[in-house]
Amino acid sequence: MGSVTRLQAAKSPKTAFHRTEMSAILDVYGKMVMAGEAKDYAIGMFEDHAVFAIFRRHAEAPTWRIEKVPALRNQQGAFIVYGSQDQVLKRGHDIRTVLKVFETRRFEVISSSRS
């Protein structure tokens, strides 16, 4: 009798951002690139969460991370924005509301020239 080939175990589904969520994230990212605040991004999809990381410079740790954690959907909200030191900047149920953290005014150093 011939040998039986076992089927590979089904891979568990990965969490990903929905098309409308990605559209909102990429809108914010595009504005940050135009303002010179961001230069690169990375996307990670895992079993329990999805990550969109924004880098200010290449080859360093992400400056901001936007995460989708479906397990937190009924508690604090599935969407979280982390800062560079892993501090939670904003958390909520709606991606557009959470991304408003990037719309805050930035403090800029204005040099004055005296004549």
N, C-alpha and C. Protein backbone atom coordinates (compact mmCIF):
# COMPACT_ATOMS: atom_id res chain seq x y z
N MET A 1 0.84 -1.17 0.00
CA MET A 1 0.00 0.00 0.00
C MET A 1 0.89 1.25 0.00
N GLY A 2 0.47 2.31 -0.66
CA GLY A 2 1.25 3.54 -0.78
C GLY A 2 1.23 4.36 0.50
N SER A 3 2.12 5.30 0.56
CA SER A 3 2.18 6.16 1.75
C SER A 3 1.16 7.28 1.64
N VAL A 4 0.72 7.75 2.77
CA VAL A 4 -0.26 8.83 2.83
C VAL A 4 0.47 10.14 3.10
N THR A 5 0.22 11.12 2.28
CA THR A 5 0.82 12.44 2.47
C THR A 5 -0.11 13.27 3.34
N ARG A 6 0.41 13.71 4.45
CA ARG A 6 -0.42 14.51 5.36
C ARG A 6 -0.54 15.93 4.82
N LEU A 7 -1.70 16.48 5.01
CA LEU A 7 -1.91 17.87 4.64
C LEU A 7 -1.25 18.76 5.67
N GLN A 8 -0.77 19.89 5.22
CA GLN A 8 -0.18 20.84 6.16
C GLN A 8 -1.28 21.43 7.02
N ALA A 9 -0.94 21.68 8.25
CA ALA A 9 -1.91 22.29 9.16
C ALA A 9 -2.25 23.69 8.65
N ALA A 10 -3.51 24.03 8.75
CA ALA A 10 -3.95 25.34 8.29
C ALA A 10 -3.32 26.43 9.15
N LYS A 11 -2.80 27.44 8.49
CA LYS A 11 -2.20 28.54 9.23
C LYS A 11 -3.31 29.36 9.86
N SER A 12 -3.05 29.83 11.05
CA SER A 12 -4.08 30.64 11.71
C SER A 12 -4.18 31.99 10.99
N PRO A 13 -5.37 32.54 10.92
CA PRO A 13 -5.55 33.80 10.20
C PRO A 13 -4.80 34.93 10.90
N LYS A 14 -4.30 35.86 10.11
CA LYS A 14 -3.58 37.00 10.65
C LYS A 14 -4.50 38.21 10.68
N THR A 15 -4.26 39.06 11.65
CA THR A 15 -5.01 40.30 11.77
C THR A 15 -4.45 41.30 10.79
N ALA A 16 -5.31 42.01 10.09
CA ALA A 16 -4.87 43.01 9.12
C ALA A 16 -5.77 44.23 9.20
N PHE A 17 -5.28 45.32 8.65
CA PHE A 17 -6.10 46.53 8.56
C PHE A 17 -7.04 46.39 7.37
N HIS A 18 -8.27 46.86 7.54
CA HIS A 18 -9.26 46.87 6.47
C HIS A 18 -8.90 47.99 5.49
N ARG A 19 -9.42 47.91 4.30
CA ARG A 19 -9.11 48.91 3.26
C ARG A 19 -9.42 50.34 3.70
N THR A 20 -10.56 50.55 4.37
CA THR A 20 -10.90 51.90 4.82
C THR A 20 -9.97 52.38 5.93
N GLU A 21 -9.55 51.45 6.79
CA GLU A 21 -8.59 51.80 7.85
C GLU A 21 -7.24 52.18 7.24
N MET A 22 -6.78 51.41 6.26
CA MET A 22 -5.51 51.71 5.60
C MET A 22 -5.56 53.04 4.87
N SER A 23 -6.70 53.34 4.29
CA SER A 23 -6.85 54.61 3.58
C SER A 23 -6.66 55.78 4.54
N ALA A 24 -7.29 55.70 5.71
CA ALA A 24 -7.16 56.77 6.71
C ALA A 24 -5.73 56.87 7.22
N ILE A 25 -5.08 55.74 7.44
CA ILE A 25 -3.71 55.74 7.94
C ILE A 25 -2.76 56.32 6.88
N LEU A 26 -2.94 55.92 5.63
CA LEU A 26 -2.07 56.42 4.57
C LEU A 26 -2.29 57.91 4.30
N ASP A 27 -3.50 58.41 4.53
CA ASP A 27 -3.74 59.86 4.41
C ASP A 27 -2.90 60.62 5.43
N VAL A 28 -2.91 60.15 6.67
CA VAL A 28 -2.12 60.78 7.72
C VAL A 28 -0.63 60.65 7.41
N TYR A 29 -0.21 59.46 6.99
CA TYR A 29 1.20 59.24 6.67
C TYR A 29 1.65 60.16 5.53
N GLY A 30 0.83 60.32 4.51
CA GLY A 30 1.17 61.19 3.39
C GLY A 30 1.36 62.64 3.82
N LYS A 31 0.50 63.10 4.72
CA LYS A 31 0.64 64.47 5.24
C LYS A 31 1.93 64.62 6.04
N MET A 32 2.28 63.58 6.78
CA MET A 32 3.52 63.62 7.56
C MET A 32 4.74 63.62 6.66
N VAL A 33 4.70 62.89 5.56
CA VAL A 33 5.81 62.88 4.61
C VAL A 33 5.96 64.26 3.97
N MET A 34 4.83 64.86 3.60
CA MET A 34 4.88 66.19 2.98
C MET A 34 5.42 67.24 3.96
N ALA A 35 5.16 67.05 5.24
CA ALA A 35 5.65 67.99 6.25
C ALA A 35 7.09 67.68 6.66
N GLY A 36 7.65 66.59 6.17
CA GLY A 36 9.02 66.22 6.49
C GLY A 36 9.17 65.52 7.83
N GLU A 37 8.08 65.06 8.41
CA GLU A 37 8.13 64.40 9.71
C GLU A 37 8.31 62.89 9.60
N ALA A 38 8.05 62.32 8.43
CA ALA A 38 8.16 60.87 8.25
C ALA A 38 8.86 60.58 6.94
N LYS A 39 9.60 59.47 6.93
CA LYS A 39 10.31 59.09 5.70
C LYS A 39 10.04 57.66 5.27
N ASP A 40 9.57 56.81 6.19
CA ASP A 40 9.39 55.41 5.84
C ASP A 40 8.30 54.80 6.72
N TYR A 41 7.78 53.66 6.30
CA TYR A 41 6.79 52.95 7.11
C TYR A 41 6.98 51.45 6.95
N ALA A 42 6.39 50.71 7.86
CA ALA A 42 6.40 49.24 7.81
C ALA A 42 5.06 48.73 8.30
N ILE A 43 4.64 47.61 7.72
CA ILE A 43 3.37 47.00 8.12
C ILE A 43 3.66 45.60 8.63
N GLY A 44 3.08 45.26 9.77
CA GLY A 44 3.22 43.92 10.33
C GLY A 44 1.85 43.33 10.61
N MET A 45 1.67 42.06 10.24
CA MET A 45 0.41 41.36 10.50
C MET A 45 0.72 40.12 11.31
N PHE A 46 0.09 40.02 12.46
CA PHE A 46 0.31 38.90 13.37
C PHE A 46 -1.02 38.26 13.71
N GLU A 47 -0.99 37.18 14.46
CA GLU A 47 -2.24 36.49 14.81
C GLU A 47 -3.17 37.35 15.65
N ASP A 48 -2.61 38.10 16.59
CA ASP A 48 -3.45 38.84 17.53
C ASP A 48 -3.49 40.35 17.30
N HIS A 49 -2.64 40.88 16.42
CA HIS A 49 -2.67 42.32 16.17
C HIS A 49 -1.99 42.66 14.84
N ALA A 50 -2.29 43.87 14.35
CA ALA A 50 -1.65 44.40 13.15
C ALA A 50 -0.98 45.71 13.52
N VAL A 51 0.15 46.01 12.86
CA VAL A 51 0.94 47.19 13.20
C VAL A 51 1.26 47.98 11.93
N PHE A 52 1.12 49.31 12.00
CA PHE A 52 1.61 50.21 10.97
C PHE A 52 2.61 51.11 11.68
N ALA A 53 3.89 50.94 11.39
CA ALA A 53 4.95 51.70 12.05
C ALA A 53 5.42 52.83 11.14
N ILE A 54 5.59 54.02 11.71
CA ILE A 54 6.04 55.19 10.97
C ILE A 54 7.42 55.57 11.49
N PHE A 55 8.35 55.73 10.56
CA PHE A 55 9.73 56.05 10.90
C PHE A 55 10.05 57.49 10.49
N ARG A 56 10.71 58.20 11.38
CA ARG A 56 11.15 59.55 11.06
C ARG A 56 12.40 59.50 10.18
N ARG A 57 13.29 58.56 10.48
CA ARG A 57 14.50 58.35 9.69
C ARG A 57 14.61 56.86 9.36
N HIS A 58 15.38 56.54 8.36
CA HIS A 58 15.55 55.14 7.97
C HIS A 58 16.40 54.40 9.00
N ALA A 59 16.18 53.12 9.12
CA ALA A 59 17.00 52.21 9.93
C ALA A 59 17.08 52.58 11.40
N GLU A 60 15.99 52.95 11.97
CA GLU A 60 15.95 53.15 13.42
C GLU A 60 14.60 52.68 13.93
N ALA A 61 14.38 52.76 15.19
CA ALA A 61 13.10 52.33 15.78
C ALA A 61 11.98 53.25 15.29
N PRO A 62 10.76 52.74 15.19
CA PRO A 62 9.66 53.60 14.72
C PRO A 62 9.37 54.73 15.70
N THR A 63 9.04 55.88 15.15
CA THR A 63 8.68 57.03 15.97
C THR A 63 7.25 56.89 16.48
N TRP A 64 6.35 56.37 15.62
CA TRP A 64 4.97 56.14 16.00
C TRP A 64 4.54 54.76 15.52
N ARG A 65 3.65 54.13 16.27
CA ARG A 65 3.07 52.85 15.88
C ARG A 65 1.57 52.94 16.01
N ILE A 66 0.87 52.52 14.97
CA ILE A 66 -0.58 52.42 15.00
C ILE A 66 -0.90 50.94 15.03
N GLU A 67 -1.60 50.49 16.07
CA GLU A 67 -1.89 49.07 16.20
C GLU A 67 -3.39 48.82 16.22
N LYS A 68 -3.76 47.68 15.66
CA LYS A 68 -5.14 47.20 15.70
C LYS A 68 -5.12 45.90 16.48
N VAL A 69 -5.81 45.90 17.63
CA VAL A 69 -5.86 44.71 18.49
C VAL A 69 -7.34 44.34 18.67
N PRO A 70 -7.87 43.43 17.85
CA PRO A 70 -9.29 43.09 17.92
C PRO A 70 -9.75 42.59 19.28
N ALA A 71 -8.86 42.00 20.07
CA ALA A 71 -9.25 41.49 21.39
C ALA A 71 -9.67 42.62 22.33
N LEU A 72 -9.20 43.84 22.08
CA LEU A 72 -9.56 44.99 22.94
C LEU A 72 -10.77 45.75 22.41
N ARG A 73 -11.39 45.24 21.37
CA ARG A 73 -12.51 45.93 20.72
C ARG A 73 -13.62 46.30 21.70
N ASN A 74 -13.94 45.42 22.62
CA ASN A 74 -15.06 45.68 23.54
C ASN A 74 -14.64 46.39 24.82
N GLN A 75 -13.35 46.54 25.06
CA GLN A 75 -12.90 47.25 26.26
C GLN A 75 -12.54 48.69 25.92
N GLN A 76 -11.27 48.93 25.59
CA GLN A 76 -10.79 50.30 25.37
C GLN A 76 -10.88 50.72 23.91
N GLY A 77 -11.07 49.80 23.02
CA GLY A 77 -11.08 50.09 21.59
C GLY A 77 -9.96 49.34 20.91
N ALA A 78 -10.17 48.98 19.67
CA ALA A 78 -9.22 48.14 18.95
C ALA A 78 -8.02 48.90 18.43
N PHE A 79 -8.07 50.23 18.38
CA PHE A 79 -6.99 51.01 17.77
C PHE A 79 -6.20 51.77 18.82
N ILE A 80 -4.87 51.71 18.69
CA ILE A 80 -3.98 52.36 19.65
C ILE A 80 -2.85 53.04 18.88
N VAL A 81 -2.49 54.26 19.29
CA VAL A 81 -1.32 54.95 18.73
C VAL A 81 -0.29 55.05 19.83
N TYR A 82 0.91 54.53 19.55
CA TYR A 82 2.02 54.57 20.51
C TYR A 82 3.06 55.58 20.03
N GLY A 83 3.71 56.24 20.99
CA GLY A 83 4.81 57.15 20.69
C GLY A 83 6.12 56.39 20.64
N SER A 84 7.21 57.14 20.51
CA SER A 84 8.53 56.52 20.35
C SER A 84 9.01 55.79 21.61
N GLN A 85 8.52 56.18 22.77
CA GLN A 85 8.91 55.53 24.03
C GLN A 85 7.85 54.55 24.52
N ASP A 86 7.03 54.04 23.61
CA ASP A 86 5.94 53.10 23.90
C ASP A 86 4.84 53.69 24.79
N GLN A 87 4.71 54.99 24.81
CA GLN A 87 3.62 55.59 25.56
C GLN A 87 2.36 55.61 24.68
N VAL A 88 1.22 55.37 25.30
CA VAL A 88 -0.04 55.37 24.57
C VAL A 88 -0.45 56.83 24.36
N LEU A 89 -0.52 57.24 23.09
CA LEU A 89 -0.90 58.61 22.78
C LEU A 89 -2.41 58.75 22.62
N LYS A 90 -3.05 57.73 22.05
CA LYS A 90 -4.50 57.78 21.86
C LYS A 90 -4.99 56.35 21.69
N ARG A 91 -6.20 56.11 22.17
CA ARG A 91 -6.82 54.78 22.09
C ARG A 91 -8.29 54.98 21.82
N GLY A 92 -8.89 54.11 21.00
CA GLY A 92 -10.31 54.27 20.74
C GLY A 92 -10.88 53.21 19.83
N HIS A 93 -12.18 53.37 19.56
CA HIS A 93 -12.92 52.41 18.75
C HIS A 93 -12.91 52.76 17.26
N ASP A 94 -12.72 54.04 16.93
CA ASP A 94 -12.78 54.50 15.55
C ASP A 94 -11.38 54.95 15.10
N ILE A 95 -10.92 54.46 13.97
CA ILE A 95 -9.57 54.76 13.49
C ILE A 95 -9.40 56.25 13.20
N ARG A 96 -10.41 56.89 12.65
CA ARG A 96 -10.29 58.32 12.31
C ARG A 96 -10.18 59.18 13.57
N THR A 97 -10.89 58.81 14.60
CA THR A 97 -10.80 59.54 15.87
C THR A 97 -9.42 59.36 16.50
N VAL A 98 -8.90 58.16 16.45
CA VAL A 98 -7.59 57.87 17.03
C VAL A 98 -6.49 58.60 16.27
N LEU A 99 -6.63 58.70 14.96
CA LEU A 99 -5.59 59.35 14.15
C LEU A 99 -5.58 60.87 14.30
N LYS A 100 -6.57 61.43 14.97
CA LYS A 100 -6.58 62.88 15.21
C LYS A 100 -5.44 63.32 16.11
N VAL A 101 -4.80 62.39 16.77
CA VAL A 101 -3.65 62.73 17.61
C VAL A 101 -2.53 63.33 16.75
N PHE A 102 -2.50 63.00 15.47
CA PHE A 102 -1.48 63.53 14.58
C PHE A 102 -1.82 64.93 14.06
N GLU A 103 -3.03 65.41 14.33
CA GLU A 103 -3.45 66.72 13.86
C GLU A 103 -3.15 67.83 14.86
N THR A 104 -2.61 67.48 16.00
CA THR A 104 -2.31 68.51 17.00
C THR A 104 -1.24 69.44 16.48
N ARG A 105 -1.25 70.65 16.97
CA ARG A 105 -0.25 71.62 16.52
C ARG A 105 1.13 71.22 17.01
N ARG A 106 2.09 71.41 16.17
CA ARG A 106 3.48 71.13 16.52
C ARG A 106 4.14 72.45 16.92
N PHE A 107 5.00 72.36 17.91
CA PHE A 107 5.76 73.54 18.30
C PHE A 107 6.97 73.66 17.40
N GLU A 108 7.17 74.82 16.85
CA GLU A 108 8.30 75.04 15.96
C GLU A 108 9.17 76.16 16.51
N VAL A 109 10.45 76.03 16.32
CA VAL A 109 11.38 77.07 16.72
C VAL A 109 11.45 78.07 15.58
N ILE A 110 11.13 79.30 15.91
CA ILE A 110 11.15 80.35 14.91
C ILE A 110 12.31 81.27 15.22
N SER A 111 13.21 81.35 14.29
CA SER A 111 14.38 82.23 14.53
C SER A 111 14.03 83.64 14.08
N SER A 112 14.37 84.57 14.91
CA SER A 112 14.11 85.95 14.53
C SER A 112 15.45 86.60 14.21
N SER A 113 15.46 87.32 13.13
CA SER A 113 16.70 88.02 12.77
C SER A 113 16.57 89.48 13.18
N ARG A 114 17.56 89.93 13.89
CA ARG A 114 17.55 91.32 14.32
C ARG A 114 18.45 92.13 13.40
N SER A 115 17.94 93.23 12.95
CA SER A 115 18.73 94.10 12.06
C SER A 115 19.32 95.27 12.79
